[in-house]
PDB file of N, CA and C in Angstrom:
ATOM      1  N   MET A   1     -11.445   6.044  21.403  1.00  0.00           N
ATOM      2  CA  MET A   1     -11.011   4.738  20.983  1.00  0.00           C
ATOM      3  C   MET A   1      -9.795   4.191  21.933  1.00  0.00           C
ATOM      4  N   SER A   2      -9.894   3.401  22.540  1.00  0.00           N
ATOM      5  CA  SER A   2      -9.086   2.746  23.883  1.00  0.00           C
ATOM      6  C   SER A   2      -7.356   2.660  23.355  1.00  0.00           C
ATOM      7  N   VAL A   3      -6.601   2.763  24.319  1.00  0.00           N
ATOM      8  CA  VAL A   3      -4.969   2.911  24.017  1.00  0.00           C
ATOM      9  C   VAL A   3      -4.518   1.434  23.368  1.00  0.00           C
ATOM     10  N   ALA A   4      -5.217   0.422  23.366  1.00  0.00           N
ATOM     11  CA  ALA A   4      -4.809  -1.035  23.201  1.00  0.00           C
ATOM     12  C   ALA A   4      -5.248  -1.057  21.814  1.00  0.00           C
ATOM     13  N   VAL A   5      -6.306  -0.560  21.348  1.00  0.00           N
ATOM     14  CA  VAL A   5      -6.775  -0.550  19.872  1.00  0.00           C
ATOM     15  C   VAL A   5      -5.702   0.650  19.034  1.00  0.00           C
ATOM     16  N   THR A   6      -5.638   1.420  19.725  1.00  0.00           N
ATOM     17  CA  THR A   6      -4.871   2.472  18.845  1.00  0.00           C
ATOM     18  C   THR A   6      -3.252   1.989  18.577  1.00  0.00           C
ATOM     19  N   THR A   7      -2.908   1.189  19.762  1.00  0.00           N
ATOM     20  CA  THR A   7      -1.682   0.663  19.431  1.00  0.00           C
ATOM     21  C   THR A   7      -1.512  -0.405  18.710  1.00  0.00           C
ATOM     22  N   ALA A   8      -2.442  -1.371  18.638  1.00  0.00           N
ATOM     23  CA  ALA A   8      -2.715  -2.430  17.517  1.00  0.00           C
ATOM     24  C   ALA A   8      -2.657  -1.747  16.151  1.00  0.00           C
ATOM     25  N   ILE A   9      -3.568  -0.968  16.117  1.00  0.00           N
ATOM     26  CA  ILE A   9      -3.631  -0.459  14.702  1.00  0.00           C
ATOM     27  C   ILE A   9      -2.182   0.167  14.274  1.00  0.00           C
ATOM     28  N   ILE A  10      -1.405   1.047  15.006  1.00  0.00           N
ATOM     29  CA  ILE A  10      -0.185   1.341  14.879  1.00  0.00           C
ATOM     30  C   ILE A  10       0.758   0.184  14.463  1.00  0.00           C
ATOM     31  N   ALA A  11       0.736  -0.995  15.098  1.00  0.00           N
ATOM     32  CA  ALA A  11       1.629  -2.222  15.227  1.00  0.00           C
ATOM     33  C   ALA A  11       1.365  -2.734  13.997  1.00  0.00           C
ATOM     34  N   VAL A  12      -0.042  -2.698  13.190  1.00  0.00           N
ATOM     35  CA  VAL A  12      -0.317  -3.429  12.125  1.00  0.00           C
ATOM     36  C   VAL A  12      -0.306  -2.703  10.703  1.00  0.00           C
ATOM     37  N   LYS A  13      -0.518  -1.263  10.997  1.00  0.00           N
ATOM     38  CA  LYS A  13       0.018  -0.227   9.885  1.00  0.00           C
ATOM     39  C   LYS A  13       1.806  -0.153   9.680  1.00  0.00           C
ATOM     40  N   THR A  14       2.325  -0.448  10.729  1.00  0.00           N
ATOM     41  CA  THR A  14       3.752  -0.581  10.716  1.00  0.00           C
ATOM     42  C   THR A  14       4.387  -1.943   9.735  1.00  0.00           C
ATOM     43  N   ILE A  15       3.345  -3.037  10.143  1.00  0.00           N
ATOM     44  CA  ILE A  15       3.705  -4.253   9.562  1.00  0.00           C
ATOM     45  C   ILE A  15       3.476  -4.083   8.325  1.00  0.00           C
ATOM     46  N   ILE A  16       2.351  -3.600   8.070  1.00  0.00           N
ATOM     47  CA  ILE A  16       1.820  -3.308   6.385  1.00  0.00           C
ATOM     48  C   ILE A  16       2.739  -2.727   5.675  1.00  0.00           C
ATOM     49  N   LEU A  17       3.094  -1.436   6.344  1.00  0.00           N
ATOM     50  CA  LEU A  17       4.459  -0.851   5.813  1.00  0.00           C
ATOM     51  C   LEU A  17       5.525  -1.372   5.280  1.00  0.00           C
ATOM     52  N   LEU A  18       6.196  -1.998   6.229  1.00  0.00           N
ATOM     53  CA  LEU A  18       7.518  -3.040   6.307  1.00  0.00           C
ATOM     54  C   LEU A  18       7.238  -4.170   5.289  1.00  0.00           C
ATOM     55  N   LEU A  19       6.052  -4.801   5.141  1.00  0.00           N
ATOM     56  CA  LEU A  19       5.967  -5.946   4.141  1.00  0.00           C
ATOM     57  C   LEU A  19       5.530  -5.303   2.733  1.00  0.00           C
ATOM     58  N   GLY A  20       4.877  -4.225   2.642  1.00  0.00           N
ATOM     59  CA  GLY A  20       4.483  -3.855   1.454  1.00  0.00           C
ATOM     60  C   GLY A  20       5.638  -3.202   0.889  1.00  0.00           C
ATOM     61  N   SER A  21       6.479  -2.620   1.581  1.00  0.00           N
ATOM     62  CA  SER A  21       7.772  -1.874   1.069  1.00  0.00           C
ATOM     63  C   SER A  21       8.605  -2.822   0.594  1.00  0.00           C
ATOM     64  N   GLY A  22       8.586  -4.038   1.189  1.00  0.00           N
ATOM     65  CA  GLY A  22       9.764  -5.057   0.933  1.00  0.00           C
ATOM     66  C   GLY A  22       8.993  -5.905  -0.703  1.00  0.00           C
ATOM     67  N   VAL A  23       7.676  -5.912  -0.548  1.00  0.00           N
ATOM     68  CA  VAL A  23       7.236  -6.448  -1.824  1.00  0.00           C
ATOM     69  C   VAL A  23       7.290  -5.379  -3.006  1.00  0.00           C
ATOM     70  N   THR A  24       7.137  -4.245  -2.953  1.00  0.00           N
ATOM     71  CA  THR A  24       7.346  -3.311  -3.911  1.00  0.00           C
ATOM     72  C   THR A  24       8.739  -3.041  -4.196  1.00  0.00           C
ATOM     73  N   TYR A  25       9.460  -3.089  -3.478  1.00  0.00           N
ATOM     74  CA  TYR A  25      11.334  -3.277  -3.603  1.00  0.00           C
ATOM     75  C   TYR A  25      11.858  -4.447  -4.350  1.00  0.00           C
ATOM     76  N   ILE A  26      11.045  -5.535  -4.093  1.00  0.00           N
ATOM     77  CA  ILE A  26      11.695  -6.884  -4.667  1.00  0.00           C
ATOM     78  C   ILE A  26      10.795  -6.797  -6.253  1.00  0.00           C
ATOM     79  N   ALA A  27       9.478  -6.226  -6.544  1.00  0.00           N
ATOM     80  CA  ALA A  27       9.077  -6.047  -7.962  1.00  0.00           C
ATOM     81  C   ALA A  27       9.812  -5.045  -8.674  1.00  0.00           C
ATOM     82  N   TYR A  28      10.142  -3.842  -8.080  1.00  0.00           N
ATOM     83  CA  TYR A  28      11.027  -2.929  -8.722  1.00  0.00           C
ATOM     84  C   TYR A  28      12.272  -3.354  -9.168  1.00  0.00           C
ATOM     85  N   LYS A  29      12.975  -4.253  -8.327  1.00  0.00           N
ATOM     86  CA  LYS A  29      14.160  -4.660  -8.519  1.00  0.00           C
ATOM     87  C   LYS A  29      14.098  -5.894  -9.506  1.00  0.00           C
ATOM     88  N   ALA A  30      13.140  -6.586  -9.641  1.00  0.00           N
ATOM     89  CA  ALA A  30      12.931  -7.422 -10.974  1.00  0.00           C
ATOM     90  C   ALA A  30      12.604  -6.966 -12.171  1.00  0.00           C
ATOM     91  N   TYR A  31      11.846  -5.582 -12.061  1.00  0.00           N
ATOM     92  CA  TYR A  31      11.593  -4.948 -13.137  1.00  0.00           C
ATOM     93  C   TYR A  31      13.119  -4.334 -13.671  1.00  0.00           C
ATOM     94  N   ARG A  32      13.929  -3.912 -12.884  1.00  0.00           N
ATOM     95  CA  ARG A  32      15.407  -3.288 -13.195  1.00  0.00           C
ATOM     96  C   ARG A  32      16.004  -4.466 -13.726  1.00  0.00           C
ATOM     97  N   ARG A  33      16.056  -5.539 -13.492  1.00  0.00           N
ATOM     98  CA  ARG A  33      16.836  -6.991 -13.889  1.00  0.00           C
ATOM     99  C   ARG A  33      16.316  -7.358 -15.264  1.00  0.00           C
ATOM    100  N   THR A  34      15.035  -7.280 -15.482  1.00  0.00           N
ATOM    101  CA  THR A  34      14.299  -7.806 -16.876  1.00  0.00           C
ATOM    102  C   THR A  34      13.836  -6.624 -17.617  1.00  0.00           C
ATOM    103  N   GLY A  35      13.455  -5.555 -17.134  1.00  0.00           N
ATOM    104  CA  GLY A  35      12.848  -4.405 -17.929  1.00  0.00           C
ATOM    105  C   GLY A  35      11.562  -4.591 -18.454  1.00  0.00           C
ATOM    106  N   ALA A  36      10.934  -5.649 -17.794  1.00  0.00           N
ATOM    107  CA  ALA A  36       9.473  -5.835 -18.206  1.00  0.00           C
ATOM    108  C   ALA A  36       8.703  -4.941 -17.600  1.00  0.00           C
ATOM    109  N   ARG A  37       7.801  -4.260 -18.425  1.00  0.00           N
ATOM    110  CA  ARG A  37       7.174  -3.087 -17.962  1.00  0.00           C
ATOM    111  C   ARG A  37       6.077  -3.506 -16.863  1.00  0.00           C
ATOM    112  N   SER A  38       5.507  -4.818 -17.232  1.00  0.00           N
ATOM    113  CA  SER A  38       4.520  -5.387 -16.202  1.00  0.00           C
ATOM    114  C   SER A  38       4.790  -5.474 -14.883  1.00  0.00           C
ATOM    115  N   LEU A  39       6.388  -5.689 -14.641  1.00  0.00           N
ATOM    116  CA  LEU A  39       7.053  -5.678 -13.281  1.00  0.00           C
ATOM    117  C   LEU A  39       7.080  -4.342 -12.852  1.00  0.00           C
ATOM    118  N   ARG A  40       7.311  -3.418 -13.523  1.00  0.00           N
ATOM    119  CA  ARG A  40       7.119  -1.789 -13.037  1.00  0.00           C
ATOM    120  C   ARG A  40       5.808  -1.442 -12.538  1.00  0.00           C
ATOM    121  N   VAL A  41       4.900  -1.964 -13.499  1.00  0.00           N
ATOM    122  CA  VAL A  41       3.337  -1.604 -13.088  1.00  0.00           C
ATOM    123  C   VAL A  41       2.964  -2.390 -11.767  1.00  0.00           C
ATOM    124  N   LEU A  42       3.505  -3.681 -11.527  1.00  0.00           N
ATOM    125  CA  LEU A  42       3.432  -4.396 -10.690  1.00  0.00           C
ATOM    126  C   LEU A  42       3.825  -3.870  -9.130  1.00  0.00           C
ATOM    127  N   ALA A  43       5.296  -3.021  -9.387  1.00  0.00           N
ATOM    128  CA  ALA A  43       5.653  -2.301  -8.345  1.00  0.00           C
ATOM    129  C   ALA A  43       5.026  -1.096  -7.920  1.00  0.00           C
ATOM    130  N   ILE A  44       4.220  -0.549  -8.865  1.00  0.00           N
ATOM    131  CA  ILE A  44       3.603   0.451  -8.626  1.00  0.00           C
ATOM    132  C   ILE A  44       2.328   0.402  -7.889  1.00  0.00           C
ATOM    133  N   GLY A  45       1.571  -0.623  -8.479  1.00  0.00           N
ATOM    134  CA  GLY A  45       0.306  -1.393  -8.025  1.00  0.00           C
ATOM    135  C   GLY A  45       0.741  -1.606  -6.392  1.00  0.00           C
ATOM    136  N   PHE A  46       1.603  -2.186  -6.081  1.00  0.00           N
ATOM    137  CA  PHE A  46       1.927  -2.681  -4.798  1.00  0.00           C
ATOM    138  C   PHE A  46       2.348  -1.291  -3.863  1.00  0.00           C
ATOM    139  N   GLY A  47       3.165  -0.433  -4.241  1.00  0.00           N
ATOM    140  CA  GLY A  47       3.274   0.844  -3.929  1.00  0.00           C
ATOM    141  C   GLY A  47       2.108   1.798  -3.755  1.00  0.00           C
ATOM    142  N   THR A  48       1.289   1.544  -4.151  1.00  0.00           N
ATOM    143  CA  THR A  48      -0.215   2.644  -4.073  1.00  0.00           C
ATOM    144  C   THR A  48      -0.732   1.639  -2.820  1.00  0.00           C
ATOM    145  N   ILE A  49      -0.870   0.509  -2.726  1.00  0.00           N
ATOM    146  CA  ILE A  49      -1.404  -0.419  -1.813  1.00  0.00           C
ATOM    147  C   ILE A  49      -0.522   0.241  -0.636  1.00  0.00           C
ATOM    148  N   THR A  50       0.396  -0.070  -0.345  1.00  0.00           N
ATOM    149  CA  THR A  50       1.497   0.369   0.722  1.00  0.00           C
ATOM    150  C   THR A  50       1.273   1.948   1.201  1.00  0.00           C
ATOM    151  N   LEU A  51       1.181   2.959   0.017  1.00  0.00           N
ATOM    152  CA  LEU A  51       0.998   4.128   0.471  1.00  0.00           C
ATOM    153  C   LEU A  51      -0.462   4.674   1.121  1.00  0.00           C
ATOM    154  N   GLY A  52      -1.505   3.832   0.852  1.00  0.00           N
ATOM    155  CA  GLY A  52      -2.690   3.720   1.400  1.00  0.00           C
ATOM    156  C   GLY A  52      -2.842   3.436   2.756  1.00  0.00           C
ATOM    157  N   ALA A  53      -2.302   2.533   3.060  1.00  0.00           N
ATOM    158  CA  ALA A  53      -1.772   2.034   4.677  1.00  0.00           C
ATOM    159  C   ALA A  53      -1.391   3.295   5.064  1.00  0.00           C
ATOM    160  N   LEU A  54      -0.021   3.383   4.917  1.00  0.00           N
ATOM    161  CA  LEU A  54       0.753   4.783   5.370  1.00  0.00           C
ATOM    162  C   LEU A  54      -0.142   6.269   5.656  1.00  0.00           C
ATOM    163  N   LEU A  55      -0.742   6.521   4.559  1.00  0.00           N
ATOM    164  CA  LEU A  55      -1.784   7.854   4.583  1.00  0.00           C
ATOM    165  C   LEU A  55      -2.685   7.406   5.629  1.00  0.00           C
ATOM    166  N   ALA A  56      -3.551   6.550   5.550  1.00  0.00           N
ATOM    167  CA  ALA A  56      -4.587   6.129   6.369  1.00  0.00           C
ATOM    168  C   ALA A  56      -4.117   6.307   7.716  1.00  0.00           C
ATOM    169  N   GLY A  57      -2.976   5.775   8.224  1.00  0.00           N
ATOM    170  CA  GLY A  57      -2.342   5.947   9.632  1.00  0.00           C
ATOM    171  C   GLY A  57      -1.919   7.400  10.157  1.00  0.00           C
ATOM    172  N   ILE A  58      -1.467   7.923   9.360  1.00  0.00           N
ATOM    173  CA  ILE A  58      -0.689   9.365   9.413  1.00  0.00           C
ATOM    174  C   ILE A  58      -1.994  10.062   9.748  1.00  0.00           C
ATOM    175  N   ALA A  59      -3.152  10.009   8.634  1.00  0.00           N
ATOM    176  CA  ALA A  59      -4.234  10.844   8.751  1.00  0.00           C
ATOM    177  C   ALA A  59      -5.032  10.795  10.090  1.00  0.00           C
ATOM    178  N   ASN A  60      -5.088   9.506  10.493  1.00  0.00           N
ATOM    179  CA  ASN A  60      -5.628   8.977  11.695  1.00  0.00           C
ATOM    180  C   ASN A  60      -4.956   9.540  13.144  1.00  0.00           C
ATOM    181  N   GLN A  61      -3.665   9.160  13.021  1.00  0.00           N
ATOM    182  CA  GLN A  61      -3.068   9.314  14.377  1.00  0.00           C
ATOM    183  C   GLN A  61      -2.485  10.718  14.279  1.00  0.00           C
ATOM    184  N   LEU A  62      -1.639  11.458  13.209  1.00  0.00           N
ATOM    185  CA  LEU A  62      -1.550  12.722  13.220  1.00  0.00           C
ATOM    186  C   LEU A  62      -2.233  13.998  13.090  1.00  0.00           C
ATOM    187  N   LEU A  63      -3.355  13.751  12.011  1.00  0.00           N
ATOM    188  CA  LEU A  63      -4.126  14.941  11.364  1.00  0.00           C
ATOM    189  C   LEU A  63      -5.505  14.764  12.095  1.00  0.00           C
ATOM    190  N   GLY A  64      -5.685  13.894  12.820  1.00  0.00           N
ATOM    191  CA  GLY A  64      -7.051  13.889  13.555  1.00  0.00           C
ATOM    192  C   GLY A  64      -8.268  13.616  12.523  1.00  0.00           C
ATOM    193  N   VAL A  65      -7.922  13.031  11.626  1.00  0.00           N
ATOM    194  CA  VAL A  65      -8.901  12.210  10.918  1.00  0.00           C
ATOM    195  C   VAL A  65      -9.588  11.380  11.302  1.00  0.00           C
ATOM    196  N   THR A  66     -10.804  11.152  11.255  1.00  0.00           N
ATOM    197  CA  THR A  66     -11.758   9.868  11.826  1.00  0.00           C
ATOM    198  C   THR A  66     -11.248   8.388  11.441  1.00  0.00           C
ATOM    199  N   LEU A  67     -11.491   7.567  12.341  1.00  0.00           N
ATOM    200  CA  LEU A  67     -11.124   6.217  11.921  1.00  0.00           C
ATOM    201  C   LEU A  67     -11.816   5.916  10.694  1.00  0.00           C
ATOM    202  N   GLU A  68     -13.205   6.310  10.586  1.00  0.00           N
ATOM    203  CA  GLU A  68     -14.142   6.039   9.559  1.00  0.00           C
ATOM    204  C   GLU A  68     -13.602   6.509   8.011  1.00  0.00           C
ATOM    205  N   GLN A  69     -12.862   7.818   8.312  1.00  0.00           N
ATOM    206  CA  GLN A  69     -12.286   8.624   7.218  1.00  0.00           C
ATOM    207  C   GLN A  69     -10.800   7.850   6.364  1.00  0.00           C
ATOM    208  N   GLY A  70     -10.236   7.292   7.637  1.00  0.00           N
ATOM    209  CA  GLY A  70      -8.787   6.629   7.406  1.00  0.00           C
ATOM    210  C   GLY A  70      -8.986   5.508   6.795  1.00  0.00           C
ATOM    211  N   ILE A  71     -10.108   4.840   7.019  1.00  0.00           N
ATOM    212  CA  ILE A  71     -10.622   3.521   6.290  1.00  0.00           C
ATOM    213  C   ILE A  71     -10.775   3.796   4.988  1.00  0.00           C
ATOM    214  N   LEU A  72     -11.515   4.679   4.871  1.00  0.00           N
ATOM    215  CA  LEU A  72     -11.909   5.202   3.445  1.00  0.00           C
ATOM    216  C   LEU A  72     -10.903   5.367   2.568  1.00  0.00           C
ATOM    217  N   ILE A  73      -9.831   6.414   3.262  1.00  0.00           N
ATOM    218  CA  ILE A  73      -8.928   6.470   2.532  1.00  0.00           C
ATOM    219  C   ILE A  73      -7.921   5.136   2.206  1.00  0.00           C
ATOM    220  N   ASN A  74      -7.684   4.518   3.235  1.00  0.00           N
ATOM    221  CA  ASN A  74      -7.014   3.433   2.646  1.00  0.00           C
ATOM    222  C   ASN A  74      -7.904   2.458   1.939  1.00  0.00           C
ATOM    223  N   SER A  75      -9.067   2.378   1.928  1.00  0.00           N
ATOM    224  CA  SER A  75      -9.805   1.569   0.858  1.00  0.00           C
ATOM    225  C   SER A  75      -9.774   1.971  -0.438  1.00  0.00           C
ATOM    226  N   LEU A  76      -9.773   3.457  -0.448  1.00  0.00           N
ATOM    227  CA  LEU A  76      -9.507   3.702  -2.052  1.00  0.00           C
ATOM    228  C   LEU A  76      -8.112   3.648  -2.510  1.00  0.00           C
ATOM    229  N   LEU A  77      -7.073   3.703  -1.742  1.00  0.00           N
ATOM    230  CA  LEU A  77      -6.002   3.327  -2.482  1.00  0.00           C
ATOM    231  C   LEU A  77      -5.624   1.792  -2.512  1.00  0.00           C
ATOM    232  N   VAL A  78      -6.390   0.909  -1.514  1.00  0.00           N
ATOM    233  CA  VAL A  78      -5.905  -0.708  -1.927  1.00  0.00           C
ATOM    234  C   VAL A  78      -7.066  -1.060  -3.327  1.00  0.00           C
ATOM    235  N   ALA A  79      -8.007  -0.017  -3.329  1.00  0.00           N
ATOM    236  CA  ALA A  79      -8.747  -0.535  -4.509  1.00  0.00           C
ATOM    237  C   ALA A  79      -8.180   0.015  -5.762  1.00  0.00           C
ATOM    238  N   LEU A  80      -7.428   1.069  -5.888  1.00  0.00           N
ATOM    239  CA  LEU A  80      -6.830   1.631  -7.099  1.00  0.00           C
ATOM    240  C   LEU A  80      -5.263   0.537  -7.226  1.00  0.00           C
ATOM    241  N   GLY A  81      -4.710   0.227  -6.119  1.00  0.00           N
ATOM    242  CA  GLY A  81      -3.497  -0.599  -6.210  1.00  0.00           C
ATOM    243  C   GLY A  81      -4.040  -1.888  -6.881  1.00  0.00           C
ATOM    244  N   LEU A  82      -4.949  -2.262  -6.241  1.00  0.00           N
ATOM    245  CA  LEU A  82      -5.330  -3.676  -7.037  1.00  0.00           C
ATOM    246  C   LEU A  82      -6.066  -3.574  -8.268  1.00  0.00           C
ATOM    247  N   ALA A  83      -6.186  -2.638  -8.706  1.00  0.00           N
ATOM    248  CA  ALA A  83      -6.584  -2.399 -10.217  1.00  0.00           C
ATOM    249  C   ALA A  83      -5.434  -2.022 -11.020  1.00  0.00           C
ATOM    250  N   ILE A  84      -4.345  -1.412 -10.558  1.00  0.00           N
ATOM    251  CA  ILE A  84      -2.973  -1.552 -10.970  1.00  0.00           C
ATOM    252  C   ILE A  84      -2.386  -2.646 -11.192  1.00  0.00           C
ATOM    253  N   ILE A  85      -2.409  -3.844 -10.084  1.00  0.00           N
ATOM    254  CA  ILE A  85      -1.968  -4.905 -10.108  1.00  0.00           C
ATOM    255  C   ILE A  85      -2.579  -5.828 -11.269  1.00  0.00           C
ATOM    256  N   MET A  86      -4.143  -5.651 -11.192  1.00  0.00           N
ATOM    257  CA  MET A  86      -4.740  -6.170 -12.109  1.00  0.00           C
ATOM    258  C   MET A  86      -4.255  -5.829 -13.651  1.00  0.00           C
ATOM    259  N   TYR A  87      -4.012  -4.808 -14.068  1.00  0.00           N
ATOM    260  CA  TYR A  87      -3.489  -4.339 -15.434  1.00  0.00           C
ATOM    261  C   TYR A  87      -2.346  -4.953 -15.446  1.00  0.00           C
ATOM    262  N   SER A  88      -1.114  -4.693 -14.411  1.00  0.00           N
ATOM    263  CA  SER A  88      -0.015  -5.388 -14.872  1.00  0.00           C
ATOM    264  C   SER A  88      -0.030  -7.004 -15.198  1.00  0.00           C
ATOM    265  N   LEU A  89      -0.742  -7.641 -14.759  1.00  0.00           N
ATOM    266  CA  LEU A  89      -1.123  -8.988 -15.140  1.00  0.00           C
ATOM    267  C   LEU A  89      -1.575  -9.130 -16.304  1.00  0.00           C
ATOM    268  N   TYR A  90      -2.131  -8.380 -17.257  1.00  0.00           N
ATOM    269  CA  TYR A  90      -2.644  -8.162 -18.705  1.00  0.00           C
ATOM    270  C   TYR A  90      -1.643  -7.700 -19.378  1.00  0.00           C
ATOM    271  N   LEU A  91      -0.556  -6.790 -19.178  1.00  0.00           N
ATOM    272  CA  LEU A  91       0.472  -6.364 -19.834  1.00  0.00           C
ATOM    273  C   LEU A  91       1.415  -7.838 -20.518  1.00  0.00           C
ATOM    274  N   GLU A  92       1.274  -7.199 -21.971  1.00  0.00           N
ATOM    275  CA  GLU A  92       2.447  -8.002 -22.609  1.00  0.00           C
ATOM    276  C   GLU A  92       3.574  -7.761 -22.288  1.00  0.00           C
ATOM    277  N   ARG A  93       4.423  -8.655 -22.603  1.00  0.00           N
ATOM    278  CA  ARG A  93       6.104  -8.375 -22.565  1.00  0.00           C
ATOM    279  C   ARG A  93       6.426  -7.352 -23.711  1.00  0.00           C
TER     280      ARG A  93
END
């Protein structure tokens, strides 16, 4: 893989980590303010998606996991995170 592609992946994963952490924090802060269980579950869902990006990046860059395996790790955690988010939208207050 070229240095430019590796650098771009690291940059995008860093942006995803920062934005995902921000959204997770805001959702958790809203949960703490309101006590709404759905907001807690929403924060967990966004946290799971963010964790997927982080773990896939670490696995690929530091642990020698192939790009395809990293994409699989990321995709599995994004799917799980979206399922959690969908569940949070159906919770009653």
